[in-house]
Amino acid sequence: AFCSRVAAGDSLMMGDSKIVGQLTWPLVVLGVGLGLAWAPEGVLAALQWDRGALQDGQWWRLWTGHAVHFSATHAMSDLVPLAFLVAWAQARWGSAKLLLALCLSAAVVSLGLLWLVPDMQQYRGASVWVTFLGVALGLQAGWQRPEWRWALLGVALLAAAKTLADIYGGSGLASNLPPGVDVAWEAHLLGAALALGAAATSIKFRRLS
């Protein structure tokens, strides 16, 4: 009986440890993102995606531009869904693959904006990560769980409608941004396209192997 109680206690401790591990990265996302939301403007300007600074060789902005925001409300609108998606991705992919996905998606989208959107001068926001992870996880869940497909399709249609509203200036999310700053819908499209490309590549690789 003593041995079985020890085993049960060990199992409980392992379960608690797993829960704590799955909360680590979402809490890091919220902590860092909210901390930066109240950082001095000089710090934010040094970290934001900035075309001129990138062309001068300040390449860290490819990544840090996605960690800073224009306001606290802008930060919250990105960080709450991102924390949920990070927890989901960590549970499905593990920490190493999650970090690799975040780093690669930030760099690829940042470079895409630099080359494909010449009139964009500055960018801040984690919505690229929200879009990339949302599309990637949605596609994976739909592939593995057919009973979820209609619900996921509904979410995808809502996201598409929101993007169209952003393009044509009808999205209420613009109220989270200061005057003169528009929603960077191009970044969202690049994030979604990257996730679709990654999913197609993964499916093709699995068929070949």
N, C-alpha and C. Protein backbone atom coordinates (compact mmCIF):
# COMPACT_ATOMS: atom_id res chain seq x y z
N ALA A 1 0.83 -1.19 0.00
CA ALA A 1 0.00 0.00 0.00
C ALA A 1 0.87 1.25 0.00
N PHE A 2 1.98 1.20 0.78
CA PHE A 2 2.89 2.35 0.82
C PHE A 2 3.46 2.63 -0.57
N CYS A 3 3.86 1.55 -1.25
CA CYS A 3 4.43 1.73 -2.59
C CYS A 3 3.40 2.33 -3.54
N SER A 4 2.17 1.87 -3.47
CA SER A 4 1.16 2.39 -4.39
C SER A 4 0.88 3.86 -4.10
N ARG A 5 0.93 4.27 -2.81
CA ARG A 5 0.70 5.68 -2.50
C ARG A 5 1.84 6.54 -3.04
N VAL A 6 3.06 6.03 -2.96
CA VAL A 6 4.20 6.76 -3.50
C VAL A 6 4.06 6.90 -5.01
N ALA A 7 3.65 5.83 -5.66
CA ALA A 7 3.50 5.87 -7.12
C ALA A 7 2.42 6.88 -7.51
N ALA A 8 1.31 6.90 -6.78
CA ALA A 8 0.25 7.85 -7.08
C ALA A 8 0.73 9.28 -6.88
N GLY A 9 1.50 9.50 -5.81
CA GLY A 9 2.05 10.83 -5.56
C GLY A 9 2.99 11.25 -6.66
N ASP A 10 3.84 10.31 -7.11
CA ASP A 10 4.76 10.62 -8.21
C ASP A 10 3.98 10.98 -9.48
N SER A 11 2.90 10.23 -9.74
CA SER A 11 2.10 10.51 -10.93
C SER A 11 1.47 11.89 -10.85
N LEU A 12 0.98 12.26 -9.66
CA LEU A 12 0.37 13.57 -9.47
C LEU A 12 1.39 14.68 -9.68
N MET A 13 2.61 14.46 -9.14
CA MET A 13 3.66 15.45 -9.31
C MET A 13 4.04 15.60 -10.78
N MET A 14 4.09 14.47 -11.49
CA MET A 14 4.41 14.54 -12.92
C MET A 14 3.33 15.29 -13.68
N GLY A 15 2.05 15.08 -13.31
CA GLY A 15 0.97 15.79 -13.96
C GLY A 15 1.05 17.29 -13.70
N ASP A 16 1.34 17.65 -12.44
CA ASP A 16 1.47 19.07 -12.12
C ASP A 16 2.63 19.70 -12.87
N SER A 17 3.74 18.96 -12.97
CA SER A 17 4.90 19.46 -13.69
C SER A 17 4.59 19.69 -15.16
N LYS A 18 3.80 18.79 -15.76
CA LYS A 18 3.43 18.93 -17.16
C LYS A 18 2.57 20.17 -17.38
N ILE A 19 1.62 20.40 -16.44
CA ILE A 19 0.76 21.59 -16.55
C ILE A 19 1.57 22.85 -16.44
N VAL A 20 2.50 22.88 -15.47
CA VAL A 20 3.36 24.05 -15.30
C VAL A 20 4.20 24.29 -16.55
N GLY A 21 4.73 23.18 -17.13
CA GLY A 21 5.53 23.30 -18.34
C GLY A 21 4.74 23.88 -19.51
N GLN A 22 3.46 23.48 -19.62
CA GLN A 22 2.63 23.98 -20.72
C GLN A 22 2.22 25.43 -20.53
N LEU A 23 2.27 25.91 -19.29
CA LEU A 23 1.94 27.31 -19.02
C LEU A 23 3.14 28.23 -19.16
N THR A 24 4.34 27.67 -19.23
CA THR A 24 5.54 28.50 -19.21
C THR A 24 5.57 29.51 -20.34
N TRP A 25 5.45 29.03 -21.58
CA TRP A 25 5.58 29.93 -22.72
C TRP A 25 4.42 30.90 -22.85
N PRO A 26 3.16 30.49 -22.59
CA PRO A 26 2.09 31.51 -22.59
C PRO A 26 2.33 32.61 -21.57
N LEU A 27 2.84 32.25 -20.39
CA LEU A 27 3.12 33.26 -19.37
C LEU A 27 4.28 34.15 -19.79
N VAL A 28 5.28 33.58 -20.46
CA VAL A 28 6.38 34.38 -20.98
C VAL A 28 5.87 35.37 -22.01
N VAL A 29 5.01 34.90 -22.91
CA VAL A 29 4.43 35.77 -23.93
C VAL A 29 3.70 36.95 -23.30
N LEU A 30 2.84 36.65 -22.32
CA LEU A 30 2.08 37.71 -21.67
C LEU A 30 2.99 38.65 -20.88
N GLY A 31 3.95 38.07 -20.15
CA GLY A 31 4.83 38.89 -19.32
C GLY A 31 5.70 39.83 -20.14
N VAL A 32 6.36 39.29 -21.16
CA VAL A 32 7.23 40.12 -21.99
C VAL A 32 6.41 41.13 -22.78
N GLY A 33 5.31 40.67 -23.38
CA GLY A 33 4.50 41.56 -24.20
C GLY A 33 3.90 42.71 -23.42
N LEU A 34 3.36 42.41 -22.23
CA LEU A 34 2.77 43.47 -21.41
C LEU A 34 3.85 44.38 -20.83
N GLY A 35 5.01 43.80 -20.49
CA GLY A 35 6.10 44.64 -20.01
C GLY A 35 6.54 45.64 -21.05
N LEU A 36 6.66 45.19 -22.28
CA LEU A 36 7.06 46.10 -23.36
C LEU A 36 5.96 47.10 -23.70
N ALA A 37 4.70 46.74 -23.43
CA ALA A 37 3.60 47.66 -23.74
C ALA A 37 3.73 48.96 -22.96
N TRP A 38 4.35 48.89 -21.78
CA TRP A 38 4.52 50.10 -20.96
C TRP A 38 5.97 50.59 -20.96
N ALA A 39 6.75 50.10 -21.90
CA ALA A 39 8.14 50.56 -22.01
C ALA A 39 8.18 51.98 -22.58
N PRO A 40 9.26 52.73 -22.31
CA PRO A 40 9.37 54.08 -22.88
C PRO A 40 9.35 54.04 -24.40
N GLU A 41 8.86 55.11 -25.00
CA GLU A 41 8.74 55.18 -26.45
C GLU A 41 10.09 54.98 -27.13
N GLY A 42 11.17 55.46 -26.51
CA GLY A 42 12.49 55.28 -27.09
C GLY A 42 12.88 53.82 -27.24
N VAL A 43 12.50 53.01 -26.25
CA VAL A 43 12.76 51.57 -26.32
C VAL A 43 11.93 50.94 -27.43
N LEU A 44 10.66 51.29 -27.50
CA LEU A 44 9.78 50.74 -28.53
C LEU A 44 10.27 51.11 -29.93
N ALA A 45 10.70 52.36 -30.09
CA ALA A 45 11.20 52.80 -31.40
C ALA A 45 12.47 52.06 -31.78
N ALA A 46 13.27 51.67 -30.81
CA ALA A 46 14.51 50.94 -31.10
C ALA A 46 14.25 49.48 -31.45
N LEU A 47 13.06 48.98 -31.13
CA LEU A 47 12.73 47.57 -31.37
C LEU A 47 11.76 47.37 -32.53
N GLN A 48 10.99 48.38 -32.89
CA GLN A 48 9.97 48.20 -33.91
C GLN A 48 10.58 47.85 -35.27
N TRP A 49 9.76 47.23 -36.11
CA TRP A 49 10.13 47.02 -37.52
C TRP A 49 10.19 48.39 -38.16
N ASP A 50 11.34 48.74 -38.71
CA ASP A 50 11.54 50.06 -39.30
C ASP A 50 12.33 49.90 -40.60
N ARG A 51 11.73 50.30 -41.70
CA ARG A 51 12.35 50.08 -43.01
C ARG A 51 13.74 50.70 -43.10
N GLY A 52 13.85 51.97 -42.74
CA GLY A 52 15.13 52.64 -42.85
C GLY A 52 16.19 52.00 -41.98
N ALA A 53 15.81 51.65 -40.73
CA ALA A 53 16.77 51.03 -39.81
C ALA A 53 17.20 49.64 -40.30
N LEU A 54 16.27 48.87 -40.85
CA LEU A 54 16.61 47.56 -41.39
C LEU A 54 17.58 47.69 -42.57
N GLN A 55 17.34 48.67 -43.42
CA GLN A 55 18.23 48.88 -44.56
C GLN A 55 19.61 49.35 -44.12
N ASP A 56 19.68 49.90 -42.90
CA ASP A 56 20.97 50.29 -42.34
C ASP A 56 21.65 49.16 -41.58
N GLY A 57 21.02 47.98 -41.56
CA GLY A 57 21.66 46.81 -40.95
C GLY A 57 21.18 46.45 -39.57
N GLN A 58 20.11 47.05 -39.07
CA GLN A 58 19.62 46.72 -37.74
C GLN A 58 18.65 45.52 -37.83
N TRP A 59 19.24 44.35 -38.07
CA TRP A 59 18.46 43.17 -38.42
C TRP A 59 17.67 42.57 -37.26
N TRP A 60 18.03 42.96 -36.01
CA TRP A 60 17.26 42.42 -34.88
C TRP A 60 15.79 42.82 -34.97
N ARG A 61 15.51 43.90 -35.70
CA ARG A 61 14.14 44.36 -35.82
C ARG A 61 13.24 43.38 -36.59
N LEU A 62 13.85 42.46 -37.35
CA LEU A 62 13.06 41.42 -38.01
C LEU A 62 12.24 40.63 -37.00
N TRP A 63 12.77 40.48 -35.79
CA TRP A 63 12.11 39.72 -34.74
C TRP A 63 11.46 40.61 -33.69
N THR A 64 12.18 41.62 -33.23
CA THR A 64 11.66 42.43 -32.12
C THR A 64 10.46 43.28 -32.52
N GLY A 65 10.33 43.57 -33.80
CA GLY A 65 9.17 44.35 -34.24
C GLY A 65 7.84 43.67 -33.94
N HIS A 66 7.87 42.34 -33.79
CA HIS A 66 6.65 41.59 -33.52
C HIS A 66 6.34 41.50 -32.03
N ALA A 67 7.26 41.99 -31.21
CA ALA A 67 7.08 41.91 -29.76
C ALA A 67 6.60 43.23 -29.15
N VAL A 68 6.60 44.30 -29.92
CA VAL A 68 6.20 45.61 -29.40
C VAL A 68 4.90 46.06 -30.06
N HIS A 69 4.21 47.00 -29.41
CA HIS A 69 2.90 47.45 -29.87
C HIS A 69 2.80 48.97 -29.75
N PHE A 70 1.75 49.50 -30.36
CA PHE A 70 1.53 50.95 -30.34
C PHE A 70 0.80 51.43 -29.10
N SER A 71 0.11 50.54 -28.39
CA SER A 71 -0.62 50.91 -27.18
C SER A 71 -0.88 49.66 -26.35
N ALA A 72 -1.32 49.87 -25.12
CA ALA A 72 -1.64 48.74 -24.25
C ALA A 72 -2.82 47.95 -24.78
N THR A 73 -3.84 48.64 -25.31
CA THR A 73 -4.99 47.92 -25.86
C THR A 73 -4.61 47.15 -27.12
N HIS A 74 -3.73 47.74 -27.93
CA HIS A 74 -3.21 47.02 -29.09
C HIS A 74 -2.48 45.75 -28.64
N ALA A 75 -1.66 45.87 -27.58
CA ALA A 75 -0.93 44.71 -27.07
C ALA A 75 -1.88 43.63 -26.58
N MET A 76 -2.90 44.00 -25.82
CA MET A 76 -3.82 43.01 -25.28
C MET A 76 -4.58 42.30 -26.38
N SER A 77 -4.96 43.03 -27.44
CA SER A 77 -5.73 42.40 -28.52
C SER A 77 -4.90 41.36 -29.25
N ASP A 78 -3.57 41.48 -29.20
CA ASP A 78 -2.69 40.48 -29.80
C ASP A 78 -2.30 39.40 -28.81
N LEU A 79 -1.96 39.79 -27.58
CA LEU A 79 -1.33 38.87 -26.64
C LEU A 79 -2.28 37.83 -26.07
N VAL A 80 -3.55 38.18 -25.88
CA VAL A 80 -4.50 37.21 -25.32
C VAL A 80 -4.69 36.02 -26.27
N PRO A 81 -5.04 36.25 -27.56
CA PRO A 81 -5.13 35.08 -28.45
C PRO A 81 -3.78 34.40 -28.68
N LEU A 82 -2.69 35.18 -28.68
CA LEU A 82 -1.39 34.57 -28.90
C LEU A 82 -1.02 33.63 -27.76
N ALA A 83 -1.31 34.00 -26.52
CA ALA A 83 -1.01 33.13 -25.39
C ALA A 83 -1.76 31.80 -25.51
N PHE A 84 -3.03 31.87 -25.92
CA PHE A 84 -3.81 30.64 -26.12
C PHE A 84 -3.20 29.77 -27.22
N LEU A 85 -2.83 30.40 -28.33
CA LEU A 85 -2.27 29.64 -29.46
C LEU A 85 -0.90 29.07 -29.12
N VAL A 86 -0.11 29.82 -28.37
CA VAL A 86 1.20 29.32 -27.95
C VAL A 86 1.04 28.09 -27.06
N ALA A 87 0.07 28.12 -26.14
CA ALA A 87 -0.18 26.95 -25.29
C ALA A 87 -0.60 25.74 -26.12
N TRP A 88 -1.45 25.96 -27.10
CA TRP A 88 -1.92 24.89 -27.99
C TRP A 88 -0.75 24.35 -28.81
N ALA A 89 0.05 25.25 -29.37
CA ALA A 89 1.18 24.81 -30.19
C ALA A 89 2.22 24.08 -29.37
N GLN A 90 2.46 24.55 -28.15
CA GLN A 90 3.44 23.86 -27.31
C GLN A 90 2.99 22.44 -26.98
N ALA A 91 1.70 22.28 -26.73
CA ALA A 91 1.17 20.95 -26.42
C ALA A 91 1.28 20.02 -27.63
N ARG A 92 1.12 20.54 -28.84
CA ARG A 92 1.14 19.70 -30.04
C ARG A 92 2.53 19.52 -30.61
N TRP A 93 3.36 20.57 -30.55
CA TRP A 93 4.65 20.55 -31.24
C TRP A 93 5.85 20.42 -30.29
N GLY A 94 5.69 20.84 -29.05
CA GLY A 94 6.83 20.91 -28.15
C GLY A 94 7.48 22.29 -28.21
N SER A 95 8.27 22.59 -27.19
CA SER A 95 8.86 23.93 -27.07
C SER A 95 9.83 24.25 -28.20
N ALA A 96 10.67 23.29 -28.57
CA ALA A 96 11.71 23.55 -29.58
C ALA A 96 11.08 23.92 -30.93
N LYS A 97 10.11 23.13 -31.37
CA LYS A 97 9.46 23.42 -32.66
C LYS A 97 8.65 24.71 -32.60
N LEU A 98 8.05 24.98 -31.45
CA LEU A 98 7.31 26.23 -31.29
C LEU A 98 8.23 27.43 -31.45
N LEU A 99 9.37 27.42 -30.76
CA LEU A 99 10.30 28.54 -30.85
C LEU A 99 10.85 28.69 -32.27
N LEU A 100 11.14 27.56 -32.92
CA LEU A 100 11.61 27.62 -34.30
C LEU A 100 10.55 28.23 -35.21
N ALA A 101 9.29 27.83 -35.02
CA ALA A 101 8.20 28.37 -35.84
C ALA A 101 8.04 29.87 -35.62
N LEU A 102 8.13 30.33 -34.38
CA LEU A 102 8.00 31.75 -34.09
C LEU A 102 9.14 32.55 -34.70
N CYS A 103 10.36 32.04 -34.57
CA CYS A 103 11.52 32.77 -35.10
C CYS A 103 11.49 32.83 -36.63
N LEU A 104 11.20 31.70 -37.27
CA LEU A 104 11.20 31.67 -38.73
C LEU A 104 10.05 32.50 -39.30
N SER A 105 8.86 32.39 -38.72
CA SER A 105 7.73 33.14 -39.25
C SER A 105 7.95 34.65 -39.11
N ALA A 106 8.53 35.07 -37.98
CA ALA A 106 8.80 36.50 -37.80
C ALA A 106 9.78 37.00 -38.85
N ALA A 107 10.86 36.25 -39.07
CA ALA A 107 11.87 36.69 -40.03
C ALA A 107 11.33 36.70 -41.46
N VAL A 108 10.62 35.65 -41.84
CA VAL A 108 10.12 35.54 -43.21
C VAL A 108 9.10 36.64 -43.51
N VAL A 109 8.17 36.87 -42.58
CA VAL A 109 7.17 37.91 -42.80
C VAL A 109 7.81 39.29 -42.80
N SER A 110 8.76 39.53 -41.91
CA SER A 110 9.44 40.82 -41.88
C SER A 110 10.16 41.09 -43.20
N LEU A 111 10.84 40.09 -43.72
CA LEU A 111 11.52 40.26 -45.01
C LEU A 111 10.51 40.44 -46.13
N GLY A 112 9.39 39.73 -46.05
CA GLY A 112 8.34 39.89 -47.05
C GLY A 112 7.79 41.31 -47.07
N LEU A 113 7.58 41.88 -45.90
CA LEU A 113 7.11 43.27 -45.82
C LEU A 113 8.15 44.22 -46.40
N LEU A 114 9.41 43.94 -46.14
CA LEU A 114 10.49 44.80 -46.62
C LEU A 114 10.52 44.82 -48.15
N TRP A 115 10.28 43.68 -48.77
CA TRP A 115 10.40 43.56 -50.22
C TRP A 115 9.09 43.81 -50.97
N LEU A 116 7.98 43.44 -50.35
CA LEU A 116 6.70 43.44 -51.07
C LEU A 116 5.80 44.62 -50.75
N VAL A 117 6.06 45.31 -49.64
CA VAL A 117 5.20 46.44 -49.24
C VAL A 117 6.08 47.68 -49.08
N PRO A 118 6.50 48.27 -50.18
CA PRO A 118 7.48 49.36 -50.11
C PRO A 118 6.99 50.62 -49.41
N ASP A 119 5.67 50.80 -49.30
CA ASP A 119 5.18 52.01 -48.64
C ASP A 119 5.05 51.86 -47.13
N MET A 120 5.31 50.67 -46.58
CA MET A 120 5.27 50.49 -45.14
C MET A 120 6.59 50.94 -44.53
N GLN A 121 6.53 51.86 -43.60
CA GLN A 121 7.73 52.42 -42.99
C GLN A 121 8.00 51.86 -41.59
N GLN A 122 6.97 51.69 -40.78
CA GLN A 122 7.11 51.10 -39.45
C GLN A 122 6.00 50.08 -39.22
N TYR A 123 6.31 49.13 -38.37
CA TYR A 123 5.34 48.09 -38.03
C TYR A 123 5.59 47.65 -36.59
N ARG A 124 4.52 47.45 -35.86
CA ARG A 124 4.58 46.86 -34.52
C ARG A 124 3.40 45.91 -34.37
N GLY A 125 3.61 44.80 -33.68
CA GLY A 125 2.48 43.93 -33.38
C GLY A 125 2.79 42.46 -33.50
N ALA A 126 2.12 41.66 -32.65
CA ALA A 126 2.29 40.21 -32.65
C ALA A 126 1.22 39.50 -33.45
N SER A 127 0.42 40.25 -34.20
CA SER A 127 -0.68 39.62 -34.93
C SER A 127 -0.21 38.69 -36.03
N VAL A 128 1.03 38.88 -36.51
CA VAL A 128 1.58 37.93 -37.49
C VAL A 128 1.68 36.54 -36.86
N TRP A 129 2.15 36.49 -35.62
CA TRP A 129 2.24 35.20 -34.93
C TRP A 129 0.85 34.62 -34.68
N VAL A 130 -0.11 35.47 -34.35
CA VAL A 130 -1.48 35.00 -34.14
C VAL A 130 -2.02 34.36 -35.43
N THR A 131 -1.80 35.06 -36.54
CA THR A 131 -2.30 34.55 -37.83
C THR A 131 -1.58 33.27 -38.22
N PHE A 132 -0.25 33.27 -38.13
CA PHE A 132 0.52 32.10 -38.54
C PHE A 132 0.15 30.88 -37.70
N LEU A 133 0.16 31.02 -36.37
CA LEU A 133 -0.16 29.88 -35.52
C LEU A 133 -1.61 29.46 -35.67
N GLY A 134 -2.52 30.44 -35.81
CA GLY A 134 -3.92 30.10 -35.96
C GLY A 134 -4.19 29.27 -37.21
N VAL A 135 -3.60 29.70 -38.33
CA VAL A 135 -3.79 28.95 -39.58
C VAL A 135 -3.11 27.59 -39.51
N ALA A 136 -1.88 27.56 -39.02
CA ALA A 136 -1.13 26.30 -38.97
C ALA A 136 -1.81 25.28 -38.06
N LEU A 137 -2.21 25.71 -36.87
CA LEU A 137 -2.86 24.79 -35.94
C LEU A 137 -4.25 24.39 -36.42
N GLY A 138 -4.96 25.34 -37.04
CA GLY A 138 -6.28 25.03 -37.58
C GLY A 138 -6.21 23.99 -38.68
N LEU A 139 -5.24 24.14 -39.57
CA LEU A 139 -5.08 23.16 -40.65
C LEU A 139 -4.71 21.79 -40.09
N GLN A 140 -3.82 21.78 -39.10
CA GLN A 140 -3.41 20.51 -38.50
C GLN A 140 -4.58 19.84 -37.79
N ALA A 141 -5.36 20.62 -37.04
CA ALA A 141 -6.51 20.07 -36.33
C ALA A 141 -7.56 19.56 -37.31
N GLY A 142 -7.80 20.33 -38.38
CA GLY A 142 -8.78 19.89 -39.37
C GLY A 142 -8.36 18.62 -40.09
N TRP A 143 -7.07 18.47 -40.32
CA TRP A 143 -6.54 17.26 -40.97
C TRP A 143 -6.70 16.03 -40.08
N GLN A 144 -6.46 16.22 -38.77
CA GLN A 144 -6.46 15.10 -37.83
C GLN A 144 -7.83 14.84 -37.20
N ARG A 145 -8.67 15.88 -37.14
CA ARG A 145 -9.99 15.74 -36.50
C ARG A 145 -11.09 16.19 -37.45
N PRO A 146 -11.56 15.30 -38.31
CA PRO A 146 -12.58 15.69 -39.31
C PRO A 146 -13.83 16.31 -38.69
N GLU A 147 -14.18 15.91 -37.46
CA GLU A 147 -15.40 16.44 -36.84
C GLU A 147 -15.27 17.92 -36.48
N TRP A 148 -14.05 18.45 -36.51
CA TRP A 148 -13.84 19.86 -36.21
C TRP A 148 -13.89 20.75 -37.46
N ARG A 149 -13.96 20.16 -38.62
CA ARG A 149 -13.73 20.92 -39.85
C ARG A 149 -14.74 22.02 -40.09
N TRP A 150 -16.03 21.76 -39.79
CA TRP A 150 -17.03 22.81 -40.03
C TRP A 150 -16.81 23.99 -39.10
N ALA A 151 -16.47 23.71 -37.83
CA ALA A 151 -16.21 24.79 -36.88
C ALA A 151 -14.98 25.59 -37.30
N LEU A 152 -13.94 24.88 -37.73
CA LEU A 152 -12.72 25.56 -38.18
C LEU A 152 -12.97 26.37 -39.44
N LEU A 153 -13.82 25.84 -40.33
CA LEU A 153 -14.17 26.59 -41.54
C LEU A 153 -14.90 27.88 -41.17
N GLY A 154 -15.78 27.82 -40.19
CA GLY A 154 -16.47 29.02 -39.74
C GLY A 154 -15.51 30.07 -39.19
N VAL A 155 -14.53 29.62 -38.40
CA VAL A 155 -13.51 30.55 -37.88
C VAL A 155 -12.71 31.15 -39.03
N ALA A 156 -12.36 30.32 -40.00
CA ALA A 156 -11.58 30.80 -41.15
C ALA A 156 -12.36 31.86 -41.94
N LEU A 157 -13.67 31.65 -42.12
CA LEU A 157 -14.49 32.62 -42.85
C LEU A 157 -14.59 33.94 -42.08
N LEU A 158 -14.70 33.86 -40.76
CA LEU A 158 -14.73 35.08 -39.95
C LEU A 158 -13.40 35.83 -40.07
N ALA A 159 -12.29 35.08 -40.04
CA ALA A 159 -10.98 35.71 -40.18
C ALA A 159 -10.82 36.36 -41.55
N ALA A 160 -11.33 35.69 -42.58
CA ALA A 160 -11.27 36.26 -43.93
C ALA A 160 -12.11 37.53 -44.03
N ALA A 161 -13.30 37.53 -43.41
CA ALA A 161 -14.15 38.72 -43.41
C ALA A 161 -13.48 39.87 -42.67
N LYS A 162 -12.83 39.56 -41.56
CA LYS A 162 -12.11 40.59 -40.80
C LYS A 162 -10.98 41.18 -41.63
N THR A 163 -10.26 40.33 -42.37
CA THR A 163 -9.16 40.81 -43.21
C THR A 163 -9.68 41.72 -44.31
N LEU A 164 -10.80 41.34 -44.93
CA LEU A 164 -11.40 42.20 -45.96
C LEU A 164 -11.81 43.55 -45.36
N ALA A 165 -12.34 43.51 -44.14
CA ALA A 165 -12.70 44.77 -43.47
C ALA A 165 -11.46 45.62 -43.21
N ASP A 166 -10.36 44.97 -42.84
CA ASP A 166 -9.10 45.71 -42.64
C ASP A 166 -8.65 46.37 -43.95
N ILE A 167 -8.73 45.61 -45.03
CA ILE A 167 -8.26 46.13 -46.32
C ILE A 167 -9.07 47.35 -46.74
N TYR A 168 -10.37 47.29 -46.51
CA TYR A 168 -11.24 48.37 -46.96
C TYR A 168 -11.58 49.37 -45.85
N GLY A 169 -10.86 49.27 -44.74
CA GLY A 169 -10.99 50.28 -43.69
C GLY A 169 -12.20 50.15 -42.81
N GLY A 170 -12.81 48.96 -42.76
CA GLY A 170 -14.02 48.81 -41.96
C GLY A 170 -13.85 48.06 -40.67
N SER A 171 -12.61 47.74 -40.28
CA SER A 171 -12.39 46.95 -39.07
C SER A 171 -12.36 47.83 -37.84
N GLY A 172 -13.07 47.42 -36.80
CA GLY A 172 -13.06 48.15 -35.55
C GLY A 172 -11.75 48.06 -34.81
N LEU A 173 -10.88 47.12 -35.21
CA LEU A 173 -9.60 46.97 -34.53
C LEU A 173 -8.70 48.18 -34.71
N ALA A 174 -8.96 48.97 -35.74
CA ALA A 174 -8.14 50.15 -35.96
C ALA A 174 -8.25 51.13 -34.79
N SER A 175 -9.31 51.02 -33.98
CA SER A 175 -9.47 51.91 -32.84
C SER A 175 -8.42 51.66 -31.77
N ASN A 176 -7.75 50.49 -31.81
CA ASN A 176 -6.67 50.19 -30.87
C ASN A 176 -5.38 50.90 -31.25
N LEU A 177 -5.36 51.53 -32.40
CA LEU A 177 -4.14 52.12 -32.92
C LEU A 177 -4.22 53.65 -32.85
N PRO A 178 -3.07 54.30 -32.68
CA PRO A 178 -3.08 55.77 -32.65
C PRO A 178 -3.41 56.36 -34.01
N PRO A 179 -3.77 57.63 -34.06
CA PRO A 179 -4.07 58.27 -35.35
C PRO A 179 -2.91 58.17 -36.32
N GLY A 180 -3.23 57.90 -37.58
CA GLY A 180 -2.20 57.79 -38.60
C GLY A 180 -1.60 56.41 -38.75
N VAL A 181 -2.00 55.46 -37.88
CA VAL A 181 -1.49 54.08 -37.96
C VAL A 181 -2.62 53.18 -38.44
N ASP A 182 -2.38 52.44 -39.52
CA ASP A 182 -3.38 51.55 -40.09
C ASP A 182 -3.08 50.10 -39.73
N VAL A 183 -4.12 49.27 -39.79
CA VAL A 183 -3.93 47.83 -39.59
C VAL A 183 -3.06 47.28 -40.73
N ALA A 184 -2.02 46.52 -40.37
CA ALA A 184 -1.09 45.97 -41.37
C ALA A 184 -1.63 44.64 -41.89
N TRP A 185 -2.68 44.73 -42.70
CA TRP A 185 -3.30 43.51 -43.21
C TRP A 185 -2.35 42.73 -44.11
N GLU A 186 -1.40 43.41 -44.73
CA GLU A 186 -0.42 42.69 -45.57
C GLU A 186 0.38 41.68 -44.75
N ALA A 187 0.72 42.07 -43.52
CA ALA A 187 1.46 41.15 -42.65
C ALA A 187 0.61 39.93 -42.30
N HIS A 188 -0.68 40.15 -42.08
CA HIS A 188 -1.57 39.03 -41.77
C HIS A 188 -1.66 38.06 -42.95
N LEU A 189 -1.77 38.61 -44.16
CA LEU A 189 -1.84 37.75 -45.34
C LEU A 189 -0.55 36.96 -45.52
N LEU A 190 0.59 37.61 -45.27
CA LEU A 190 1.87 36.90 -45.38
C LEU A 190 1.98 35.79 -44.35
N GLY A 191 1.51 36.05 -43.13
CA GLY A 191 1.54 35.02 -42.09
C GLY A 191 0.67 33.83 -42.45
N ALA A 192 -0.53 34.11 -42.98
CA ALA A 192 -1.42 33.03 -43.39
C ALA A 192 -0.84 32.25 -44.56
N ALA A 193 -0.27 32.96 -45.55
CA ALA A 193 0.33 32.28 -46.71
C ALA A 193 1.51 31.40 -46.28
N LEU A 194 2.29 31.89 -45.33
CA LEU A 194 3.43 31.09 -44.84
C LEU A 194 2.94 29.81 -44.17
N ALA A 195 1.88 29.92 -43.36
CA ALA A 195 1.34 28.73 -42.70
C ALA A 195 0.78 27.74 -43.72
N LEU A 196 0.08 28.25 -44.75
CA LEU A 196 -0.44 27.37 -45.80
C LEU A 196 0.69 26.68 -46.55
N GLY A 197 1.75 27.43 -46.85
CA GLY A 197 2.90 26.83 -47.53
C GLY A 197 3.59 25.78 -46.68
N ALA A 198 3.73 26.04 -45.39
CA ALA A 198 4.35 25.06 -44.50
C ALA A 198 3.52 23.80 -44.41
N ALA A 199 2.18 23.97 -44.35
CA ALA A 199 1.30 22.80 -44.27
C ALA A 199 1.37 21.98 -45.55
N ALA A 200 1.36 22.65 -46.71
CA ALA A 200 1.45 21.93 -47.99
C ALA A 200 2.77 21.18 -48.11
N THR A 201 3.86 21.81 -47.67
CA THR A 201 5.17 21.16 -47.72
C THR A 201 5.21 19.95 -46.82
N SER A 202 4.61 20.08 -45.63
CA SER A 202 4.59 18.97 -44.68
C SER A 202 3.80 17.78 -45.23
N ILE A 203 2.64 18.07 -45.84
CA ILE A 203 1.82 16.99 -46.42
C ILE A 203 2.57 16.29 -47.56
N LYS A 204 3.22 17.09 -48.43
CA LYS A 204 3.96 16.53 -49.55
C LYS A 204 5.12 15.67 -49.06
N PHE A 205 5.81 16.13 -48.02
CA PHE A 205 6.95 15.37 -47.47
C PHE A 205 6.47 14.04 -46.90
N ARG A 206 5.33 14.06 -46.19
CA ARG A 206 4.82 12.83 -45.61
C ARG A 206 4.43 11.83 -46.69
N ARG A 207 3.88 12.30 -47.80
CA ARG A 207 3.50 11.40 -48.89
C ARG A 207 4.74 10.81 -49.56
N LEU A 208 5.77 11.62 -49.69
CA LEU A 208 7.01 11.12 -50.30
C LEU A 208 7.72 10.10 -49.42
N SER A 209 7.61 10.30 -48.12
CA SER A 209 8.29 9.40 -47.20
C SER A 209 7.44 8.17 -46.87
